[in-house]
Protein backbone atom coordinates (compact mmCIF):
# COMPACT_ATOMS: atom_id res chain seq x y z
CA MET A 1 117.26 105.72 117.45
CA PHE A 2 113.75 107.12 117.57
CA VAL A 3 111.08 105.52 119.74
CA GLU A 4 107.30 105.87 119.55
CA VAL A 5 105.54 104.80 122.74
CA LYS A 6 101.83 103.94 122.72
CA ALA A 7 99.72 102.82 125.67
CA ARG A 8 96.20 101.41 125.84
CA GLU A 9 93.95 100.50 128.75
CA SER A 10 92.17 97.88 126.67
CA ARG A 11 92.44 96.23 123.28
CA ALA A 12 88.83 97.03 122.39
CA PHE A 13 89.92 99.36 119.59
CA GLY A 14 93.09 97.46 118.63
CA THR A 15 96.53 97.15 120.09
CA ALA A 16 98.77 100.06 120.96
CA ALA A 17 101.22 99.06 118.21
CA GLU A 18 98.40 99.14 115.64
CA ALA A 19 97.92 102.83 116.47
CA VAL A 20 101.24 103.54 114.72
CA THR A 21 99.68 103.70 111.27
CA GLN A 22 101.50 104.35 108.00
CA TYR A 23 100.46 108.00 108.27
CA LYS A 24 101.95 108.19 111.78
CA GLN A 25 105.13 106.44 110.59
CA HIS A 26 105.47 108.99 107.80
CA ARG A 27 105.08 111.90 110.24
CA ILE A 28 107.61 110.42 112.66
CA ALA A 29 110.11 109.79 109.85
CA THR A 30 109.69 113.35 108.56
CA ILE A 31 110.27 114.86 112.00
CA ALA A 32 113.24 112.53 112.58
CA SER A 33 114.74 113.58 109.25
CA GLU A 34 114.46 117.25 110.22
CA TYR A 35 116.11 116.49 113.57
CA VAL A 36 118.98 114.63 111.88
CA MET A 37 119.57 117.51 109.48
CA GLN A 38 119.41 120.21 112.18
CA HIS A 39 121.87 118.34 114.38
CA HIS A 40 124.22 117.31 111.55
CA LEU A 41 123.75 113.60 112.24
CA GLN A 42 123.71 112.39 108.65
CA ASN A 43 125.76 109.28 107.93
CA ARG A 44 124.81 107.74 111.27
CA PRO A 45 122.68 104.64 111.66
CA CYS A 46 119.08 105.31 112.53
CA ARG A 47 116.18 103.08 113.42
CA PHE A 48 112.59 103.45 114.58
CA ASP A 49 111.31 101.35 117.47
CA VAL A 50 107.76 101.11 118.82
CA VAL A 51 107.00 100.39 122.47
CA SER A 52 103.49 99.06 123.07
CA ILE A 53 102.06 99.16 126.59
CA HIS A 54 98.79 97.50 127.62
CA PHE A 55 97.19 97.60 131.04
CA ASP A 56 95.39 94.25 130.95
CA GLY A 57 93.38 93.41 134.05
CA GLY A 58 95.75 95.17 136.43
CA GLN A 59 98.83 93.75 134.75
CA THR A 60 101.14 95.85 132.58
CA VAL A 61 102.28 94.20 129.35
CA VAL A 62 105.15 95.88 127.48
CA GLU A 63 106.26 94.88 123.99
CA VAL A 64 109.19 96.39 122.09
CA PHE A 65 109.26 96.25 118.29
CA GLN A 66 112.78 97.04 117.15
CA ASN A 67 113.28 98.47 113.68
CA ALA A 68 109.50 98.72 113.36
CA PHE A 69 109.62 100.92 110.26
CA SER A 70 112.01 98.64 108.34
CA GLY A 71 109.50 98.35 105.50
CA ARG A 72 109.83 102.09 104.78
């Protein structure tokens, strides 16, 4: 499992999860693929999760998006 964590103090420029663009997903997947190859972990299940953290008015809001890259 690979996890990308994004945090934002406000949603003025979008949510933290929205910051994981297709370009960013591609980069993460490429790095993950290199890691899998270097550590001989082929033939093992793999997924990409995104953790979004917002600090809204003194309250911390955490969302977990499992298998966030499933469309890849």
